[in-house]
Structure formats: structure tokens, C-alpha cells
C-alpha atoms as a PDB file:
ATOM      1  CA  MET A   1      19.706  -6.207 -14.291  1.00  0.00           C
ATOM      2  CA  ILE A   2      20.549  -2.197 -14.246  1.00  0.00           C
ATOM      3  CA  GLY A   3      21.611  -1.167 -10.942  1.00  0.00           C
ATOM      4  CA  ARG A   4      22.613   2.414 -11.921  1.00  0.00           C
ATOM      5  CA  LEU A   5      22.363   5.042 -14.796  1.00  0.00           C
ATOM      6  CA  ALA A   6      24.316   7.990 -15.148  1.00  0.00           C
ATOM      7  CA  GLY A   7      24.470  10.220 -18.049  1.00  0.00           C
ATOM      8  CA  LEU A   8      22.717  13.596 -19.003  1.00  0.00           C
ATOM      9  CA  LEU A   9      19.169  14.678 -18.214  1.00  0.00           C
ATOM     10  CA  ALA A  10      17.371  14.893 -21.907  1.00  0.00           C
ATOM     11  CA  GLU A  11      13.801  15.370 -20.672  1.00  0.00           C
ATOM     12  CA  LYS A  12      11.657  16.053 -17.722  1.00  0.00           C
ATOM     13  CA  ASN A  13       7.964  15.038 -17.913  1.00  0.00           C
ATOM     14  CA  PRO A  14       6.421  14.041 -14.115  1.00  0.00           C
ATOM     15  CA  PRO A  15       7.137  10.820 -13.454  1.00  0.00           C
ATOM     16  CA  GLN A  16       8.952  10.099 -16.470  1.00  0.00           C
ATOM     17  CA  LEU A  17      12.413  10.961 -17.190  1.00  0.00           C
ATOM     18  CA  LEU A  18      15.108  10.622 -20.469  1.00  0.00           C
ATOM     19  CA  ILE A  19      18.130   9.891 -19.802  1.00  0.00           C
ATOM     20  CA  ASP A  20      20.961  10.158 -22.614  1.00  0.00           C
ATOM     21  CA  CYS A  21      23.613   7.555 -21.580  1.00  0.00           C
ATOM     22  CA  HIS A  22      26.273   7.679 -24.039  1.00  0.00           C
ATOM     23  CA  GLY A  23      23.259   7.644 -27.206  1.00  0.00           C
ATOM     24  CA  VAL A  24      21.273   5.314 -25.724  1.00  0.00           C
ATOM     25  CA  GLY A  25      17.895   7.015 -24.438  1.00  0.00           C
ATOM     26  CA  TYR A  26      16.739   5.349 -21.214  1.00  0.00           C
ATOM     27  CA  GLU A  27      13.008   6.214 -20.015  1.00  0.00           C
ATOM     28  CA  VAL A  28      12.755   6.197 -15.929  1.00  0.00           C
ATOM     29  CA  ASP A  29       9.881   6.360 -14.002  1.00  0.00           C
ATOM     30  CA  VAL A  30      10.637   8.355 -10.756  1.00  0.00           C
ATOM     31  CA  PRO A  31       8.710   9.298  -7.695  1.00  0.00           C
ATOM     32  CA  MET A  32       7.547  13.344  -7.123  1.00  0.00           C
ATOM     33  CA  SER A  33      10.432  13.308  -4.275  1.00  0.00           C
ATOM     34  CA  THR A  34      13.372  12.224  -6.754  1.00  0.00           C
ATOM     35  CA  PHE A  35      11.818  14.648  -9.368  1.00  0.00           C
ATOM     36  CA  TYR A  36      11.947  17.668  -7.069  1.00  0.00           C
ATOM     37  CA  LEU A  37      15.913  17.090  -6.786  1.00  0.00           C
ATOM     38  CA  LEU A  38      16.912  16.986 -10.327  1.00  0.00           C
ATOM     39  CA  PRO A  39      19.068  19.343 -12.128  1.00  0.00           C
ATOM     40  CA  ALA A  40      17.982  21.006 -15.278  1.00  0.00           C
ATOM     41  CA  VAL A  41      17.684  19.776 -18.628  1.00  0.00           C
ATOM     42  CA  GLY A  42      21.014  18.669 -20.155  1.00  0.00           C
ATOM     43  CA  GLU A  43      23.103  18.513 -17.271  1.00  0.00           C
ATOM     44  CA  LYS A  44      24.626  15.176 -15.670  1.00  0.00           C
ATOM     45  CA  ILE A  45      22.327  12.793 -13.552  1.00  0.00           C
ATOM     46  CA  THR A  46      23.043   9.622 -11.822  1.00  0.00           C
ATOM     47  CA  LEU A  47      20.014   7.337 -10.324  1.00  0.00           C
ATOM     48  CA  LEU A  48      19.847   4.221  -8.730  1.00  0.00           C
ATOM     49  CA  THR A  49      17.467   2.080 -10.322  1.00  0.00           C
ATOM     50  CA  HIS A  50      14.932  -1.281  -9.960  1.00  0.00           C
ATOM     51  CA  PHE A  51      14.095  -2.861 -13.130  1.00  0.00           C
ATOM     52  CA  VAL A  52      10.893  -4.671 -13.420  1.00  0.00           C
ATOM     53  CA  VAL A  53       9.694  -6.682 -16.292  1.00  0.00           C
ATOM     54  CA  ARG A  54       6.413  -7.557 -16.819  1.00  0.00           C
ATOM     55  CA  GLU A  55       4.398  -9.584 -19.482  1.00  0.00           C
ATOM     56  CA  ASP A  56       3.510  -6.713 -21.753  1.00  0.00           C
ATOM     57  CA  ALA A  57       6.066  -3.875 -20.460  1.00  0.00           C
ATOM     58  CA  GLN A  58       9.729  -3.451 -18.985  1.00  0.00           C
ATOM     59  CA  ILE A  59       9.811  -0.789 -16.903  1.00  0.00           C
ATOM     60  CA  LEU A  60      12.719   1.220 -15.247  1.00  0.00           C
ATOM     61  CA  TYR A  61      12.290   3.289 -12.364  1.00  0.00           C
ATOM     62  CA  GLY A  62      15.117   5.495 -10.615  1.00  0.00           C
ATOM     63  CA  PHE A  63      15.651   7.095  -7.300  1.00  0.00           C
ATOM     64  CA  ALA A  64      17.635   9.260  -5.754  1.00  0.00           C
ATOM     65  CA  SER A  65      18.876   7.525  -2.915  1.00  0.00           C
ATOM     66  CA  GLY A  66      19.432   4.323  -1.870  1.00  0.00           C
ATOM     67  CA  PRO A  67      17.006   4.043   0.904  1.00  0.00           C
ATOM     68  CA  GLU A  68      14.648   5.214  -1.770  1.00  0.00           C
ATOM     69  CA  ARG A  69      15.136   2.818  -3.467  1.00  0.00           C
ATOM     70  CA  GLU A  70      15.182   0.066  -0.775  1.00  0.00           C
ATOM     71  CA  ALA A  71      11.664   1.562   0.615  1.00  0.00           C
ATOM     72  CA  PHE A  72      10.535   0.732  -3.014  1.00  0.00           C
ATOM     73  CA  ARG A  73      11.686  -2.876  -3.238  1.00  0.00           C
ATOM     74  CA  GLN A  74       9.866  -2.990  -0.042  1.00  0.00           C
ATOM     75  CA  LEU A  75       6.872  -1.844  -0.799  1.00  0.00           C
ATOM     76  CA  ILE A  76       6.552  -4.024  -4.200  1.00  0.00           C
ATOM     77  CA  ARG A  77       6.948  -7.097  -2.347  1.00  0.00           C
ATOM     78  CA  ILE A  78       3.592  -6.891  -0.619  1.00  0.00           C
ATOM     79  CA  SER A  79       0.435  -8.294  -1.788  1.00  0.00           C
ATOM     80  CA  GLY A  80      -1.345  -6.252  -3.777  1.00  0.00           C
ATOM     81  CA  VAL A  81       0.691  -3.337  -4.222  1.00  0.00           C
ATOM     82  CA  GLY A  82       2.556  -2.908  -7.369  1.00  0.00           C
ATOM     83  CA  PRO A  83       5.331  -0.561  -8.464  1.00  0.00           C
ATOM     84  CA  ARG A  84       2.629   2.355  -9.412  1.00  0.00           C
ATOM     85  CA  THR A  85       1.226   2.642  -6.042  1.00  0.00           C
ATOM     86  CA  ALA A  86       4.970   2.214  -4.390  1.00  0.00           C
ATOM     87  CA  LEU A  87       5.501   5.242  -6.241  1.00  0.00           C
ATOM     88  CA  ALA A  88       2.432   6.946  -5.129  1.00  0.00           C
ATOM     89  CA  VAL A  89       3.330   6.186  -1.613  1.00  0.00           C
ATOM     90  CA  LEU A  90       7.154   7.440  -1.863  1.00  0.00           C
ATOM     91  CA  SER A  91       5.749  10.574  -3.795  1.00  0.00           C
ATOM     92  CA  GLY A  92       2.970  11.272  -1.015  1.00  0.00           C
ATOM     93  CA  MET A  93       5.501  10.942   1.433  1.00  0.00           C
ATOM     94  CA  SER A  94       9.343  10.940   2.221  1.00  0.00           C
ATOM     95  CA  VAL A  95      11.298   7.885   3.661  1.00  0.00           C
ATOM     96  CA  ALA A  96      11.650   9.186   6.774  1.00  0.00           C
ATOM     97  CA  GLU A  97       7.617   9.972   7.347  1.00  0.00           C
ATOM     98  CA  LEU A  98       7.296   6.615   5.630  1.00  0.00           C
ATOM     99  CA  GLY A  99       9.165   5.350   8.437  1.00  0.00           C
ATOM    100  CA  GLN A 100       7.705   7.127  11.325  1.00  0.00           C
ATOM    101  CA  ALA A 101       4.063   5.986   9.904  1.00  0.00           C
ATOM    102  CA  VAL A 102       5.316   2.296  10.364  1.00  0.00           C
ATOM    103  CA  THR A 103       6.902   2.826  13.630  1.00  0.00           C
ATOM    104  CA  LEU A 104       4.122   4.129  15.292  1.00  0.00           C
ATOM    105  CA  GLN A 105       1.204   1.922  13.514  1.00  0.00           C
ATOM    106  CA  GLU A 106      -0.733   5.774  11.831  1.00  0.00           C
ATOM    107  CA  ALA A 107      -2.663   4.191   8.955  1.00  0.00           C
ATOM    108  CA  GLY A 108      -4.052   7.655   8.910  1.00  0.00           C
ATOM    109  CA  ARG A 109      -0.624   9.557   6.985  1.00  0.00           C
ATOM    110  CA  LEU A 110      -0.671   6.209   4.407  1.00  0.00           C
ATOM    111  CA  VAL A 111      -4.888   6.884   3.358  1.00  0.00           C
ATOM    112  CA  LYS A 112      -3.933  10.595   2.555  1.00  0.00           C
ATOM    113  CA  VAL A 113      -1.451   9.257  -0.587  1.00  0.00           C
ATOM    114  CA  PRO A 114      -3.582   8.722  -3.596  1.00  0.00           C
ATOM    115  CA  GLY A 115      -4.495   5.064  -4.541  1.00  0.00           C
ATOM    116  CA  ILE A 116      -4.047   4.247  -1.241  1.00  0.00           C
ATOM    117  CA  GLY A 117      -7.361   2.920   0.855  1.00  0.00           C
ATOM    118  CA  LYS A 118      -7.735   1.997   4.720  1.00  0.00           C
ATOM    119  CA  LYS A 119      -7.701  -1.667   3.983  1.00  0.00           C
ATOM    120  CA  THR A 120      -4.271  -1.134   1.833  1.00  0.00           C
ATOM    121  CA  ALA A 121      -2.981   1.380   4.746  1.00  0.00           C
ATOM    122  CA  GLU A 122      -3.868  -1.052   7.584  1.00  0.00           C
ATOM    123  CA  ARG A 123      -1.717  -4.080   5.118  1.00  0.00           C
ATOM    124  CA  LEU A 124       1.202  -1.827   4.557  1.00  0.00           C
ATOM    125  CA  LEU A 125       1.817  -1.220   8.064  1.00  0.00           C
ATOM    126  CA  LEU A 126       1.106  -4.618   9.369  1.00  0.00           C
ATOM    127  CA  GLU A 127       3.720  -5.649   6.169  1.00  0.00           C
ATOM    128  CA  LEU A 128       6.176  -3.213   6.593  1.00  0.00           C
ATOM    129  CA  LYS A 129       6.420  -3.295  10.228  1.00  0.00           C
ATOM    130  CA  GLY A 130      10.028  -4.605  11.494  1.00  0.00           C
ATOM    131  CA  LYS A 131      11.429  -4.596   8.049  1.00  0.00           C
ATOM    132  CA  LEU A 132      12.317  -1.148   7.363  1.00  0.00           C
ATOM    133  CA  GLY A 133      16.313  -0.874   7.530  1.00  0.00           C
ATOM    134  CA  VAL A 134      18.519   1.305  10.033  1.00  0.00           C
ATOM    135  CA  GLU A 135      17.638   4.434   7.313  1.00  0.00           C
ATOM    136  CA  LEU A 136      13.990   3.771   7.259  1.00  0.00           C
ATOM    137  CA  GLY A 137      13.383   4.037  10.283  1.00  0.00           C
ATOM    138  CA  ALA A 138      15.914   6.160  11.237  1.00  0.00           C
ATOM    139  CA  ALA A 139      13.684   9.239  11.926  1.00  0.00           C
ATOM    140  CA  ALA A 140      11.211   6.789  14.178  1.00  0.00           C
ATOM    141  CA  ALA A 141      14.127   6.258  16.588  1.00  0.00           C
ATOM    142  CA  ASN A 142      13.347   9.357  18.518  1.00  0.00           C
ATOM    143  CA  PRO A 143       9.458   8.244  18.885  1.00  0.00           C
ATOM    144  CA  GLN A 144       7.026  11.220  19.737  1.00  0.00           C
ATOM    145  CA  SER A 145       5.164  11.626  23.492  1.00  0.00           C
ATOM    146  CA  ASP A 146       1.562  10.628  23.596  1.00  0.00           C
ATOM    147  CA  ALA A 147       0.621  13.739  23.143  1.00  0.00           C
ATOM    148  CA  GLU A 148       2.393  15.370  20.473  1.00  0.00           C
ATOM    149  CA  SER A 149       1.126  12.285  18.481  1.00  0.00           C
ATOM    150  CA  ASP A 150      -2.139  12.864  19.057  1.00  0.00           C
ATOM    151  CA  ILE A 151      -1.463  16.741  17.833  1.00  0.00           C
ATOM    152  CA  LEU A 152       0.095  15.541  14.876  1.00  0.00           C
ATOM    153  CA  GLN A 153      -2.719  12.833  14.019  1.00  0.00           C
ATOM    154  CA  ALA A 154      -5.299  15.722  14.895  1.00  0.00           C
ATOM    155  CA  LEU A 155      -4.002  18.463  12.364  1.00  0.00           C
ATOM    156  CA  LEU A 156      -3.643  15.572  10.173  1.00  0.00           C
ATOM    157  CA  ALA A 157      -7.069  14.922  10.578  1.00  0.00           C
ATOM    158  CA  LEU A 158      -8.208  18.426  10.118  1.00  0.00           C
ATOM    159  CA  GLY A 159      -6.736  18.090   6.252  1.00  0.00           C
ATOM    160  CA  TYR A 160      -3.001  19.824   6.613  1.00  0.00           C
ATOM    161  CA  ASN A 161      -0.533  17.660   4.762  1.00  0.00           C
ATOM    162  CA  ASP A 162       2.665  15.647   6.564  1.00  0.00           C
ATOM    163  CA  ARG A 163       4.913  18.408   6.435  1.00  0.00           C
ATOM    164  CA  GLU A 164       2.541  21.736   7.513  1.00  0.00           C
ATOM    165  CA  ALA A 165       1.724  19.811  10.445  1.00  0.00           C
ATOM    166  CA  ALA A 166       5.494  18.932  11.418  1.00  0.00           C
ATOM    167  CA  ALA A 167       5.992  22.434  11.021  1.00  0.00           C
ATOM    168  CA  SER A 168       3.645  23.800  13.316  1.00  0.00           C
ATOM    169  CA  MET A 169       5.013  20.903  15.575  1.00  0.00           C
ATOM    170  CA  LYS A 170       8.230  22.599  15.909  1.00  0.00           C
ATOM    171  CA  ALA A 171       7.178  25.588  17.661  1.00  0.00           C
ATOM    172  CA  LEU A 172       5.442  23.757  19.938  1.00  0.00           C
ATOM    173  CA  PRO A 173       6.653  24.382  23.709  1.00  0.00           C
ATOM    174  CA  ALA A 174       7.964  20.818  25.600  1.00  0.00           C
ATOM    175  CA  GLY A 175       5.142  19.158  27.182  1.00  0.00           C
ATOM    176  CA  VAL A 176       2.935  20.817  26.205  1.00  0.00           C
ATOM    177  CA  GLY A 177      -0.626  19.319  26.442  1.00  0.00           C
ATOM    178  CA  VAL A 178      -3.058  17.736  23.568  1.00  0.00           C
ATOM    179  CA  SER A 179      -5.582  20.448  23.939  1.00  0.00           C
ATOM    180  CA  GLU A 180      -3.494  23.756  24.184  1.00  0.00           C
ATOM    181  CA  GLY A 181      -1.115  21.986  21.463  1.00  0.00           C
ATOM    182  CA  ILE A 182      -3.409  21.522  18.865  1.00  0.00           C
ATOM    183  CA  ARG A 183      -4.475  25.225  19.709  1.00  0.00           C
ATOM    184  CA  LEU A 184      -1.314  26.743  19.057  1.00  0.00           C
ATOM    185  CA  ALA A 185      -0.497  24.747  16.254  1.00  0.00           C
ATOM    186  CA  LEU A 186      -3.528  25.969  14.661  1.00  0.00           C
ATOM    187  CA  ARG A 187      -2.225  29.504  15.763  1.00  0.00           C
ATOM    188  CA  ALA A 188       0.978  28.835  13.974  1.00  0.00           C
ATOM    189  CA  LEU A 189      -0.824  27.682  10.926  1.00  0.00           C
ATOM    190  CA  ALA A 190      -3.255  30.216  10.270  1.00  0.00           C
ATOM    191  CA  LYS A 191      -0.155  32.675   9.907  1.00  0.00           C
END
């Protein structure tokens, strides 16, 4: 029903915004990935939206990009995953990271998102496999080697977040072994 909002950003209270569209203020819930890209209060903003009507509420969700909205829509189609859980997933990882986790079937990355348990993560991976659009799976189009995947999983298991682990992986030489790669990645993270 409401696909896009353009107006002035009136208020920012994570995860909710108030957007003034010609005198009408729309409350919009956004994932943190969108929240970090927002302009200052009082500046113009345009968001793609998804309107949810429930028995007890009508809620508008906003997104900075089309792939982000599409990922949200794919997530809420899954049984047991509501809009709040979908927002939590998109707040905890980028669309590219979600696409990569689905392609590589890495439940461990999804379990780190608050509100996502092991069973829900496995159901998400099963339901989303093959359903992500080209944009969503683009990051996963260049699959990692087994050694790189094992190094990344080890870093995630040690408690590092996706961004830290990915940044340390970039410094690794090509064709590095698993144990040597973990050692080098930990050394890079310690700096």
C-alpha cells in the first residue's frame, strides 16, 4: 500500500524514525543498517517501505535500499519469523552477509543475531536457499576456499564479529593453510 516515503527526517529514536511528509508524520521502524545511513534531523530523506497490517497494529518498516527490503520480505515469509525478527537479522548483518551465510549454509553467523536460536537459524538457511535474488547473493558468487571458510568459522567461534573477521581475512596471503591462517588472523586482530 505504501511503497516509498519522501520527506524531512523529524526524529531519530532507534529503531524508529518520524518522517514529515508534507505535514503528515509517519512513524517508521528501520533496521540499524539503514539507521546508520540516515542524514541529520531536518534533512530530506527517502525510504522504501513495507506496510504490515495486524489485528492490533499497522506498522511501517523502512529501508535504504531495494535489496534490503527484498531480504526483509523474504524473511517474513518464513513461518515463525515476524517483522521484528527480520529487522533484527538485517540489523545484525548486511544483505550481502546474509546472502553469503545462506549460500555457504553458515548457521553460526545467524545464531549471533539476538533472538535467533539454532533451530530458527537452520530453518532460515533452509527456507532462503535458492530464494535470494541476484543482488542478495552477489557477495556469495565468489565462494571462499575451504581453508578460508574454516578460518572464518574459527574466528566467529572465538567471538569476533563478521566485520572484524572479514577485515582480518583480507590480510591473509592466498592459499594459506587453516592453522597458519588462524594464527595470522589473530595476530592482525590483536593490533
